[in-house]
Amino acid sequence: MTRVVADISVSVDGFVTGPGAGPDNGLGDGAEGLHAWVFSDDEVDRAVLEDATTATGAVVMGRHLFDVIDGPDGWNDKVGYGAGHAARPPFFVVTSTEPESVRLAKSHDFTFVLDGPAAAVEQARAVAGQKDVYVMGGGEVVRGCLDAGVVDRLSLHISSLVLGEGTPLFDATTPRRLTQRGVRVSPHAVHVTWDVER
């Protein structure tokens, strides 16, 4: 059965980017360490990344994240969804306007959803088959999906980093009860998974 998994890296103090994040500075100032686990050779990190990539049937992301990955320094033939795995599931981008052009259009399947995160999840579910829908960020889209009650599982990769400021993951979020399902620890992150009670 298809689950909706909100999956995102976060600092110990709850930020998903550092200050100054934008298309040319995707993670923001001083936040490169948020994704150190993704590019790690550590056995735990590699297993977490491979498990998530293999389970993915479709992906939901926000427009800010799309602008970063589609930018000149974004994804390429070597690094894409799943980092070195460079998987190519269909992507659903939550946005208020469609971009004029898409650099990755020849290699990736992007659908631009103008009706909000819940609508994007619904469209992603329709094409995910027996695999899961992954909501990969940014923070606003993860919050929007949690607030809409469409997330089944929350997976946080808590990086060994305190940023002090940036984009918070949880900001005026609707309260939710979580049931812890797993914890895996590496030198780069604590990977925690919860089921989200509806």
N, C-alpha and C. Protein backbone atom coordinates (compact mmCIF):
# COMPACT_ATOMS: atom_id res chain seq x y z
N MET A 1 0.84 -1.19 0.00
CA MET A 1 0.00 0.00 0.00
C MET A 1 0.88 1.25 0.00
N THR A 2 0.54 2.20 -0.80
CA THR A 2 1.32 3.43 -0.91
C THR A 2 1.21 4.27 0.36
N ARG A 3 2.36 4.63 0.91
CA ARG A 3 2.41 5.55 2.04
C ARG A 3 2.92 6.90 1.55
N VAL A 4 2.57 7.94 2.28
CA VAL A 4 3.14 9.26 2.03
C VAL A 4 4.16 9.51 3.13
N VAL A 5 5.42 9.69 2.72
CA VAL A 5 6.53 9.84 3.65
C VAL A 5 7.11 11.25 3.51
N ALA A 6 7.01 12.05 4.56
CA ALA A 6 7.68 13.35 4.58
C ALA A 6 9.10 13.09 5.05
N ASP A 7 10.09 13.38 4.20
CA ASP A 7 11.48 12.98 4.44
C ASP A 7 12.38 14.19 4.22
N ILE A 8 13.06 14.63 5.28
CA ILE A 8 13.84 15.86 5.14
C ILE A 8 14.99 15.89 6.15
N SER A 9 16.08 16.52 5.77
CA SER A 9 17.22 16.73 6.67
C SER A 9 16.99 18.01 7.46
N VAL A 10 17.41 17.98 8.72
CA VAL A 10 17.16 19.11 9.60
C VAL A 10 18.32 19.23 10.57
N SER A 11 18.61 20.46 10.98
CA SER A 11 19.65 20.67 11.99
C SER A 11 19.12 20.30 13.37
N VAL A 12 20.01 20.18 14.34
CA VAL A 12 19.60 19.85 15.69
C VAL A 12 18.61 20.88 16.22
N ASP A 13 18.77 22.15 15.82
CA ASP A 13 17.86 23.19 16.29
C ASP A 13 16.68 23.43 15.35
N GLY A 14 16.43 22.51 14.43
CA GLY A 14 15.17 22.51 13.68
C GLY A 14 15.11 23.29 12.39
N PHE A 15 16.26 23.60 11.78
CA PHE A 15 16.25 24.35 10.52
C PHE A 15 16.57 23.43 9.34
N VAL A 16 15.88 23.65 8.22
CA VAL A 16 16.11 22.85 7.01
C VAL A 16 17.01 23.58 6.02
N THR A 17 17.27 24.84 6.23
CA THR A 17 18.30 25.60 5.52
C THR A 17 18.93 26.57 6.51
N GLY A 18 20.10 27.08 6.14
CA GLY A 18 20.69 28.16 6.89
C GLY A 18 20.15 29.49 6.37
N PRO A 19 20.61 30.61 6.91
CA PRO A 19 20.18 31.91 6.41
C PRO A 19 20.69 32.14 4.99
N GLY A 20 19.97 32.95 4.23
CA GLY A 20 20.40 33.32 2.88
C GLY A 20 20.16 32.24 1.84
N ALA A 21 19.26 31.31 2.09
CA ALA A 21 18.99 30.26 1.11
C ALA A 21 18.28 30.84 -0.10
N GLY A 22 18.60 30.31 -1.28
CA GLY A 22 17.97 30.74 -2.53
C GLY A 22 18.47 29.89 -3.68
N PRO A 23 18.04 30.18 -4.89
CA PRO A 23 18.42 29.35 -6.04
C PRO A 23 19.92 29.17 -6.22
N ASP A 24 20.70 30.19 -5.88
CA ASP A 24 22.15 30.10 -6.04
C ASP A 24 22.86 29.67 -4.75
N ASN A 25 22.10 29.46 -3.70
CA ASN A 25 22.67 29.09 -2.40
C ASN A 25 21.66 28.18 -1.71
N GLY A 26 21.43 27.01 -2.31
CA GLY A 26 20.32 26.13 -1.96
C GLY A 26 20.13 25.85 -0.49
N LEU A 27 21.19 25.48 0.22
CA LEU A 27 21.06 25.16 1.63
C LEU A 27 21.27 26.36 2.54
N GLY A 28 21.65 27.49 1.97
CA GLY A 28 21.89 28.67 2.78
C GLY A 28 23.30 28.69 3.35
N ASP A 29 23.61 29.76 4.03
CA ASP A 29 24.96 29.97 4.56
C ASP A 29 25.26 29.00 5.70
N GLY A 30 26.40 28.30 5.57
CA GLY A 30 26.88 27.43 6.63
C GLY A 30 26.11 26.14 6.84
N ALA A 31 25.25 25.77 5.88
CA ALA A 31 24.37 24.62 6.09
C ALA A 31 24.72 23.41 5.23
N GLU A 32 25.90 23.42 4.61
CA GLU A 32 26.28 22.30 3.74
C GLU A 32 26.24 20.98 4.49
N GLY A 33 26.52 21.01 5.79
CA GLY A 33 26.54 19.80 6.60
C GLY A 33 25.19 19.13 6.77
N LEU A 34 24.10 19.82 6.44
CA LEU A 34 22.78 19.20 6.55
C LEU A 34 22.69 17.91 5.74
N HIS A 35 23.34 17.89 4.59
CA HIS A 35 23.26 16.72 3.72
C HIS A 35 24.56 15.92 3.66
N ALA A 36 25.42 16.11 4.65
CA ALA A 36 26.68 15.34 4.67
C ALA A 36 26.39 13.84 4.68
N TRP A 37 25.33 13.43 5.34
CA TRP A 37 24.99 12.00 5.41
C TRP A 37 24.66 11.44 4.03
N VAL A 38 24.10 12.26 3.14
CA VAL A 38 23.70 11.80 1.81
C VAL A 38 24.92 11.37 1.00
N PHE A 39 26.02 12.04 1.19
CA PHE A 39 27.23 11.77 0.40
C PHE A 39 28.27 10.98 1.19
N SER A 40 27.87 10.47 2.32
CA SER A 40 28.76 9.72 3.21
C SER A 40 28.98 8.29 2.69
N ASP A 41 30.13 7.73 3.05
CA ASP A 41 30.40 6.32 2.79
C ASP A 41 30.01 5.44 3.97
N ASP A 42 29.45 6.04 5.01
CA ASP A 42 29.06 5.28 6.18
C ASP A 42 27.97 4.27 5.82
N GLU A 43 28.09 3.08 6.36
CA GLU A 43 27.17 1.98 6.05
C GLU A 43 25.72 2.32 6.39
N VAL A 44 25.50 2.96 7.54
CA VAL A 44 24.14 3.32 7.96
C VAL A 44 23.55 4.35 7.01
N ASP A 45 24.31 5.41 6.72
CA ASP A 45 23.83 6.46 5.82
C ASP A 45 23.50 5.90 4.44
N ARG A 46 24.38 5.05 3.93
CA ARG A 46 24.16 4.46 2.61
C ARG A 46 22.89 3.61 2.59
N ALA A 47 22.66 2.86 3.67
CA ALA A 47 21.47 2.01 3.75
C ALA A 47 20.20 2.85 3.82
N VAL A 48 20.22 3.93 4.61
CA VAL A 48 19.06 4.81 4.73
C VAL A 48 18.72 5.41 3.36
N LEU A 49 19.73 5.91 2.67
CA LEU A 49 19.52 6.53 1.35
C LEU A 49 19.01 5.51 0.34
N GLU A 50 19.61 4.34 0.33
CA GLU A 50 19.19 3.32 -0.63
C GLU A 50 17.77 2.84 -0.35
N ASP A 51 17.43 2.65 0.91
CA ASP A 51 16.07 2.22 1.26
C ASP A 51 15.03 3.23 0.78
N ALA A 52 15.28 4.50 1.03
CA ALA A 52 14.33 5.54 0.63
C ALA A 52 14.24 5.65 -0.88
N THR A 53 15.36 5.62 -1.56
CA THR A 53 15.37 5.75 -3.02
C THR A 53 14.63 4.58 -3.66
N THR A 54 14.88 3.38 -3.18
CA THR A 54 14.22 2.19 -3.73
C THR A 54 12.72 2.20 -3.49
N ALA A 55 12.29 2.76 -2.35
CA ALA A 55 10.87 2.77 -2.00
C ALA A 55 10.08 3.86 -2.72
N THR A 56 10.76 4.78 -3.39
CA THR A 56 10.09 5.95 -3.96
C THR A 56 9.39 5.63 -5.27
N GLY A 57 8.09 5.94 -5.30
CA GLY A 57 7.32 5.82 -6.53
C GLY A 57 7.03 7.16 -7.17
N ALA A 58 7.01 8.22 -6.37
CA ALA A 58 6.79 9.59 -6.86
C ALA A 58 7.25 10.54 -5.76
N VAL A 59 7.54 11.78 -6.16
CA VAL A 59 8.10 12.77 -5.24
C VAL A 59 7.31 14.06 -5.32
N VAL A 60 7.08 14.67 -4.15
CA VAL A 60 6.47 16.00 -4.06
C VAL A 60 7.53 16.94 -3.52
N MET A 61 7.65 18.10 -4.14
CA MET A 61 8.59 19.12 -3.67
C MET A 61 8.00 20.51 -3.88
N GLY A 62 8.60 21.49 -3.23
CA GLY A 62 8.16 22.87 -3.38
C GLY A 62 8.90 23.58 -4.49
N ARG A 63 8.41 24.74 -4.85
CA ARG A 63 8.99 25.51 -5.95
C ARG A 63 10.39 26.00 -5.62
N HIS A 64 10.65 26.39 -4.38
CA HIS A 64 11.99 26.88 -4.03
C HIS A 64 13.03 25.77 -4.23
N LEU A 65 12.68 24.57 -3.79
CA LEU A 65 13.59 23.44 -3.97
C LEU A 65 13.75 23.11 -5.45
N PHE A 66 12.66 23.16 -6.19
CA PHE A 66 12.76 22.91 -7.63
C PHE A 66 13.72 23.91 -8.29
N ASP A 67 13.60 25.18 -7.94
CA ASP A 67 14.48 26.20 -8.54
C ASP A 67 15.95 25.91 -8.25
N VAL A 68 16.25 25.33 -7.09
CA VAL A 68 17.63 24.97 -6.75
C VAL A 68 18.10 23.80 -7.59
N ILE A 69 17.30 22.73 -7.63
CA ILE A 69 17.76 21.53 -8.34
C ILE A 69 17.77 21.70 -9.85
N ASP A 70 16.91 22.60 -10.36
CA ASP A 70 16.87 22.84 -11.80
C ASP A 70 17.85 23.94 -12.22
N GLY A 71 18.46 24.60 -11.26
CA GLY A 71 19.41 25.67 -11.56
C GLY A 71 20.71 25.12 -12.13
N PRO A 72 21.58 26.00 -12.60
CA PRO A 72 22.83 25.57 -13.23
C PRO A 72 23.73 24.72 -12.34
N ASP A 73 23.65 24.91 -11.02
CA ASP A 73 24.47 24.12 -10.10
C ASP A 73 23.66 23.00 -9.43
N GLY A 74 22.49 22.70 -10.00
CA GLY A 74 21.62 21.70 -9.41
C GLY A 74 21.95 20.30 -9.87
N TRP A 75 20.91 19.48 -10.00
CA TRP A 75 21.10 18.09 -10.37
C TRP A 75 21.75 17.95 -11.73
N ASN A 76 22.49 16.85 -11.90
CA ASN A 76 23.15 16.56 -13.16
C ASN A 76 23.14 15.05 -13.39
N ASP A 77 23.89 14.57 -14.35
CA ASP A 77 23.90 13.14 -14.66
C ASP A 77 24.46 12.29 -13.52
N LYS A 78 25.29 12.88 -12.66
CA LYS A 78 25.91 12.12 -11.58
C LYS A 78 25.16 12.25 -10.26
N VAL A 79 24.56 13.39 -10.01
CA VAL A 79 23.87 13.63 -8.75
C VAL A 79 22.46 14.13 -9.02
N GLY A 80 21.50 13.38 -8.51
CA GLY A 80 20.09 13.76 -8.64
C GLY A 80 19.34 13.23 -7.45
N TYR A 81 18.09 12.88 -7.64
CA TYR A 81 17.29 12.32 -6.55
C TYR A 81 17.95 11.02 -6.09
N GLY A 82 18.18 10.90 -4.81
CA GLY A 82 18.90 9.74 -4.29
C GLY A 82 20.40 9.89 -4.42
N ALA A 83 20.87 11.12 -4.62
CA ALA A 83 22.31 11.43 -4.76
C ALA A 83 22.93 10.55 -5.83
N GLY A 84 23.88 9.70 -5.47
CA GLY A 84 24.57 8.86 -6.45
C GLY A 84 23.67 7.85 -7.13
N HIS A 85 22.51 7.57 -6.55
CA HIS A 85 21.58 6.64 -7.18
C HIS A 85 20.91 7.28 -8.40
N ALA A 86 20.80 8.61 -8.36
CA ALA A 86 20.23 9.40 -9.46
C ALA A 86 18.96 8.74 -10.02
N ALA A 87 18.02 8.42 -9.13
CA ALA A 87 16.74 7.85 -9.54
C ALA A 87 15.90 8.89 -10.26
N ARG A 88 14.93 8.44 -11.04
CA ARG A 88 14.12 9.39 -11.80
C ARG A 88 12.62 9.10 -11.69
N PRO A 89 12.09 9.14 -10.47
CA PRO A 89 10.64 9.00 -10.33
C PRO A 89 9.95 10.25 -10.86
N PRO A 90 8.64 10.22 -11.07
CA PRO A 90 7.94 11.45 -11.43
C PRO A 90 7.93 12.43 -10.25
N PHE A 91 8.06 13.71 -10.56
CA PHE A 91 8.12 14.77 -9.56
C PHE A 91 6.92 15.69 -9.70
N PHE A 92 6.33 16.07 -8.56
CA PHE A 92 5.20 16.98 -8.53
C PHE A 92 5.61 18.20 -7.72
N VAL A 93 5.62 19.35 -8.38
CA VAL A 93 6.15 20.57 -7.79
C VAL A 93 5.00 21.48 -7.37
N VAL A 94 4.92 21.80 -6.08
CA VAL A 94 3.90 22.70 -5.56
C VAL A 94 4.35 24.13 -5.85
N THR A 95 3.53 24.87 -6.58
CA THR A 95 3.92 26.21 -6.99
C THR A 95 2.68 27.07 -7.25
N SER A 96 2.87 28.36 -7.30
CA SER A 96 1.76 29.25 -7.69
C SER A 96 1.84 29.61 -9.17
N THR A 97 3.02 29.42 -9.78
CA THR A 97 3.18 29.67 -11.21
C THR A 97 4.15 28.65 -11.80
N GLU A 98 3.92 28.27 -13.03
CA GLU A 98 4.83 27.34 -13.70
C GLU A 98 6.06 28.10 -14.21
N PRO A 99 7.22 27.46 -14.20
CA PRO A 99 8.42 28.13 -14.72
C PRO A 99 8.33 28.27 -16.24
N GLU A 100 9.03 29.26 -16.77
CA GLU A 100 9.03 29.47 -18.22
C GLU A 100 9.78 28.36 -18.93
N SER A 101 10.81 27.83 -18.31
CA SER A 101 11.56 26.73 -18.92
C SER A 101 12.07 25.81 -17.81
N VAL A 102 12.39 24.56 -18.18
CA VAL A 102 12.89 23.57 -17.23
C VAL A 102 14.15 22.96 -17.81
N ARG A 103 15.27 23.19 -17.15
CA ARG A 103 16.56 22.67 -17.63
C ARG A 103 16.56 21.14 -17.67
N LEU A 104 15.95 20.51 -16.68
CA LEU A 104 15.96 19.05 -16.56
C LEU A 104 14.81 18.37 -17.29
N ALA A 105 14.10 19.10 -18.15
CA ALA A 105 12.90 18.56 -18.80
C ALA A 105 13.17 17.31 -19.62
N LYS A 106 14.34 17.19 -20.23
CA LYS A 106 14.63 16.03 -21.07
C LYS A 106 14.94 14.78 -20.25
N SER A 107 15.39 14.94 -19.02
CA SER A 107 15.81 13.80 -18.23
C SER A 107 14.88 13.47 -17.05
N HIS A 108 13.98 14.37 -16.70
CA HIS A 108 13.10 14.18 -15.55
C HIS A 108 11.66 14.55 -15.91
N ASP A 109 10.72 13.94 -15.21
CA ASP A 109 9.29 14.17 -15.43
C ASP A 109 8.76 15.07 -14.31
N PHE A 110 8.54 16.35 -14.62
CA PHE A 110 8.02 17.31 -13.65
C PHE A 110 6.60 17.69 -14.00
N THR A 111 5.72 17.67 -12.98
CA THR A 111 4.36 18.18 -13.11
C THR A 111 4.23 19.32 -12.12
N PHE A 112 3.72 20.45 -12.56
CA PHE A 112 3.59 21.63 -11.70
C PHE A 112 2.15 21.71 -11.21
N VAL A 113 1.99 21.70 -9.89
CA VAL A 113 0.67 21.63 -9.26
C VAL A 113 0.36 22.98 -8.62
N LEU A 114 -0.71 23.60 -9.07
CA LEU A 114 -1.05 24.94 -8.62
C LEU A 114 -2.06 24.96 -7.47
N ASP A 115 -2.52 23.78 -7.04
CA ASP A 115 -3.61 23.70 -6.06
C ASP A 115 -3.14 23.33 -4.65
N GLY A 116 -1.87 23.43 -4.37
CA GLY A 116 -1.38 23.18 -3.01
C GLY A 116 -0.82 21.79 -2.80
N PRO A 117 -0.21 21.58 -1.61
CA PRO A 117 0.49 20.33 -1.34
C PRO A 117 -0.40 19.10 -1.33
N ALA A 118 -1.61 19.20 -0.78
CA ALA A 118 -2.49 18.02 -0.73
C ALA A 118 -2.84 17.55 -2.14
N ALA A 119 -3.07 18.49 -3.04
CA ALA A 119 -3.37 18.12 -4.44
C ALA A 119 -2.16 17.47 -5.10
N ALA A 120 -0.97 17.96 -4.79
CA ALA A 120 0.25 17.36 -5.34
C ALA A 120 0.41 15.92 -4.84
N VAL A 121 0.14 15.70 -3.56
CA VAL A 121 0.22 14.35 -3.00
C VAL A 121 -0.79 13.43 -3.69
N GLU A 122 -1.99 13.92 -3.90
CA GLU A 122 -3.02 13.11 -4.56
C GLU A 122 -2.57 12.70 -5.97
N GLN A 123 -2.02 13.65 -6.72
CA GLN A 123 -1.54 13.32 -8.07
C GLN A 123 -0.36 12.35 -8.02
N ALA A 124 0.53 12.53 -7.05
CA ALA A 124 1.68 11.64 -6.92
C ALA A 124 1.24 10.23 -6.55
N ARG A 125 0.26 10.12 -5.67
CA ARG A 125 -0.27 8.80 -5.28
C ARG A 125 -0.81 8.05 -6.50
N ALA A 126 -1.42 8.78 -7.40
CA ALA A 126 -2.05 8.15 -8.57
C ALA A 126 -1.04 7.47 -9.49
N VAL A 127 0.23 7.88 -9.43
CA VAL A 127 1.24 7.31 -10.33
C VAL A 127 2.31 6.50 -9.60
N ALA A 128 2.25 6.45 -8.26
CA ALA A 128 3.32 5.80 -7.48
C ALA A 128 3.27 4.28 -7.54
N GLY A 129 2.17 3.73 -8.02
CA GLY A 129 2.05 2.27 -8.05
C GLY A 129 2.03 1.72 -6.64
N GLN A 130 2.80 0.65 -6.38
CA GLN A 130 2.87 0.05 -5.06
C GLN A 130 3.95 0.70 -4.19
N LYS A 131 4.66 1.67 -4.74
CA LYS A 131 5.72 2.34 -3.99
C LYS A 131 5.17 3.54 -3.24
N ASP A 132 6.05 4.22 -2.50
CA ASP A 132 5.64 5.34 -1.66
C ASP A 132 5.79 6.68 -2.35
N VAL A 133 5.04 7.64 -1.86
CA VAL A 133 5.19 9.04 -2.25
C VAL A 133 6.10 9.70 -1.22
N TYR A 134 7.18 10.31 -1.67
CA TYR A 134 8.10 11.01 -0.77
C TYR A 134 7.93 12.51 -0.93
N VAL A 135 7.67 13.18 0.18
CA VAL A 135 7.63 14.64 0.22
C VAL A 135 9.01 15.07 0.69
N MET A 136 9.82 15.62 -0.24
CA MET A 136 11.22 15.87 0.10
C MET A 136 11.52 17.29 0.52
N GLY A 137 10.55 18.15 0.51
CA GLY A 137 10.80 19.52 0.97
C GLY A 137 10.49 20.56 -0.09
N GLY A 138 10.75 21.75 0.28
CA GLY A 138 11.34 22.22 1.52
C GLY A 138 10.38 22.17 2.70
N GLY A 139 10.81 22.88 3.74
CA GLY A 139 10.07 22.87 4.99
C GLY A 139 8.62 23.28 4.85
N GLU A 140 8.34 24.26 4.03
CA GLU A 140 6.96 24.75 3.87
C GLU A 140 6.06 23.66 3.29
N VAL A 141 6.56 22.90 2.33
CA VAL A 141 5.76 21.84 1.72
C VAL A 141 5.57 20.68 2.70
N VAL A 142 6.62 20.32 3.45
CA VAL A 142 6.48 19.27 4.46
C VAL A 142 5.43 19.70 5.49
N ARG A 143 5.52 20.95 5.99
CA ARG A 143 4.52 21.46 6.94
C ARG A 143 3.13 21.44 6.33
N GLY A 144 3.02 21.88 5.07
CA GLY A 144 1.71 21.92 4.41
C GLY A 144 1.08 20.54 4.31
N CYS A 145 1.88 19.54 4.01
CA CYS A 145 1.37 18.16 3.92
C CYS A 145 0.98 17.63 5.29
N LEU A 146 1.79 17.92 6.31
CA LEU A 146 1.44 17.51 7.67
C LEU A 146 0.14 18.20 8.11
N ASP A 147 0.04 19.51 7.86
CA ASP A 147 -1.15 20.25 8.27
C ASP A 147 -2.40 19.76 7.54
N ALA A 148 -2.23 19.31 6.30
CA ALA A 148 -3.37 18.81 5.52
C ALA A 148 -3.75 17.39 5.92
N GLY A 149 -2.94 16.75 6.76
CA GLY A 149 -3.26 15.40 7.22
C GLY A 149 -3.03 14.32 6.19
N VAL A 150 -2.12 14.55 5.24
CA VAL A 150 -1.90 13.57 4.18
C VAL A 150 -0.60 12.77 4.35
N VAL A 151 0.12 13.00 5.45
CA VAL A 151 1.39 12.30 5.68
C VAL A 151 1.16 11.08 6.57
N ASP A 152 1.67 9.93 6.14
CA ASP A 152 1.60 8.70 6.93
C ASP A 152 2.83 8.50 7.81
N ARG A 153 3.97 8.96 7.32
CA ARG A 153 5.24 8.72 8.01
C ARG A 153 6.11 9.97 7.91
N LEU A 154 6.78 10.29 9.01
CA LEU A 154 7.72 11.42 9.05
C LEU A 154 9.10 10.85 9.28
N SER A 155 10.02 11.19 8.39
CA SER A 155 11.40 10.71 8.48
C SER A 155 12.33 11.91 8.51
N LEU A 156 12.98 12.11 9.65
CA LEU A 156 13.91 13.23 9.80
C LEU A 156 15.33 12.71 9.88
N HIS A 157 16.22 13.38 9.18
CA HIS A 157 17.64 13.10 9.22
C HIS A 157 18.27 14.26 10.00
N ILE A 158 18.46 14.06 11.29
CA ILE A 158 18.92 15.14 12.16
C ILE A 158 20.44 15.20 12.08
N SER A 159 20.91 16.22 11.37
CA SER A 159 22.34 16.36 11.12
C SER A 159 23.06 16.95 12.32
N SER A 160 24.32 16.63 12.45
CA SER A 160 25.14 17.10 13.58
C SER A 160 25.55 18.54 13.36
N LEU A 161 24.57 19.42 13.46
CA LEU A 161 24.78 20.82 13.10
C LEU A 161 23.77 21.69 13.84
N VAL A 162 24.23 22.79 14.42
CA VAL A 162 23.35 23.80 14.99
C VAL A 162 23.52 25.05 14.14
N LEU A 163 22.44 25.50 13.50
CA LEU A 163 22.53 26.62 12.57
C LEU A 163 22.21 27.97 13.21
N GLY A 164 21.37 27.98 14.23
CA GLY A 164 21.04 29.25 14.89
C GLY A 164 19.95 30.04 14.21
N GLU A 165 19.88 29.97 12.89
CA GLU A 165 18.83 30.64 12.13
C GLU A 165 18.72 30.01 10.75
N GLY A 166 17.67 30.36 10.05
CA GLY A 166 17.43 29.81 8.72
C GLY A 166 15.96 29.54 8.52
N THR A 167 15.63 28.51 7.75
CA THR A 167 14.25 28.14 7.50
C THR A 167 13.85 27.06 8.49
N PRO A 168 12.88 27.34 9.38
CA PRO A 168 12.49 26.33 10.36
C PRO A 168 11.63 25.25 9.72
N LEU A 169 11.78 24.02 10.18
CA LEU A 169 10.91 22.96 9.70
C LEU A 169 9.52 23.13 10.27
N PHE A 170 9.43 23.30 11.57
CA PHE A 170 8.13 23.43 12.22
C PHE A 170 7.93 24.87 12.66
N ASP A 171 6.94 25.51 12.06
CA ASP A 171 6.64 26.90 12.36
C ASP A 171 5.13 27.04 12.33
N ALA A 172 4.51 27.14 13.50
CA ALA A 172 3.05 27.21 13.61
C ALA A 172 2.39 26.01 12.94
N THR A 173 2.94 24.82 13.18
CA THR A 173 2.41 23.59 12.60
C THR A 173 1.25 23.07 13.43
N THR A 174 0.27 22.47 12.76
CA THR A 174 -0.84 21.82 13.45
C THR A 174 -0.30 20.69 14.32
N PRO A 175 -0.72 20.60 15.58
CA PRO A 175 -0.22 19.52 16.44
C PRO A 175 -0.58 18.15 15.88
N ARG A 176 0.37 17.21 15.99
CA ARG A 176 0.17 15.83 15.53
C ARG A 176 0.80 14.88 16.54
N ARG A 177 0.16 13.75 16.77
CA ARG A 177 0.75 12.71 17.61
C ARG A 177 1.54 11.77 16.72
N LEU A 178 2.76 11.43 17.15
CA LEU A 178 3.64 10.57 16.38
C LEU A 178 3.93 9.30 17.16
N THR A 179 4.13 8.19 16.42
CA THR A 179 4.55 6.93 17.03
C THR A 179 5.90 6.56 16.45
N GLN A 180 6.92 6.49 17.29
CA GLN A 180 8.27 6.23 16.80
C GLN A 180 8.37 4.82 16.23
N ARG A 181 9.00 4.70 15.05
CA ARG A 181 9.13 3.42 14.37
C ARG A 181 10.58 2.97 14.19
N GLY A 182 11.51 3.91 14.20
CA GLY A 182 12.89 3.49 14.00
C GLY A 182 13.88 4.61 14.23
N VAL A 183 15.08 4.22 14.67
CA VAL A 183 16.19 5.16 14.83
C VAL A 183 17.45 4.46 14.33
N ARG A 184 18.16 5.14 13.41
CA ARG A 184 19.47 4.64 12.96
C ARG A 184 20.46 5.78 13.13
N VAL A 185 21.62 5.45 13.65
CA VAL A 185 22.60 6.48 14.00
C VAL A 185 23.87 6.28 13.19
N SER A 186 24.38 7.38 12.64
CA SER A 186 25.66 7.38 11.95
C SER A 186 26.49 8.54 12.51
N PRO A 187 27.75 8.67 12.09
CA PRO A 187 28.53 9.82 12.55
C PRO A 187 28.00 11.16 12.00
N HIS A 188 27.14 11.10 10.98
CA HIS A 188 26.68 12.33 10.32
C HIS A 188 25.26 12.74 10.67
N ALA A 189 24.44 11.78 11.11
CA ALA A 189 23.03 12.09 11.36
C ALA A 189 22.39 11.03 12.22
N VAL A 190 21.30 11.43 12.87
CA VAL A 190 20.41 10.49 13.52
C VAL A 190 19.17 10.42 12.63
N HIS A 191 18.90 9.24 12.10
CA HIS A 191 17.78 9.04 11.18
C HIS A 191 16.60 8.49 11.98
N VAL A 192 15.56 9.30 12.16
CA VAL A 192 14.43 8.93 13.00
C VAL A 192 13.16 8.86 12.15
N THR A 193 12.37 7.81 12.37
CA THR A 193 11.13 7.62 11.63
C THR A 193 9.98 7.47 12.59
N TRP A 194 8.89 8.20 12.29
CA TRP A 194 7.66 8.11 13.07
C TRP A 194 6.48 7.86 12.15
N ASP A 195 5.47 7.14 12.63
CA ASP A 195 4.17 7.12 11.97
C ASP A 195 3.40 8.33 12.46
N VAL A 196 2.63 8.94 11.58
CA VAL A 196 1.84 10.12 11.93
C VAL A 196 0.40 9.68 12.14
N GLU A 197 -0.12 9.90 13.34
CA GLU A 197 -1.50 9.53 13.60
C GLU A 197 -2.42 10.54 12.94
N ARG A 198 -3.48 10.01 12.32
CA ARG A 198 -4.44 10.88 11.62
C ARG A 198 -5.58 11.27 12.54
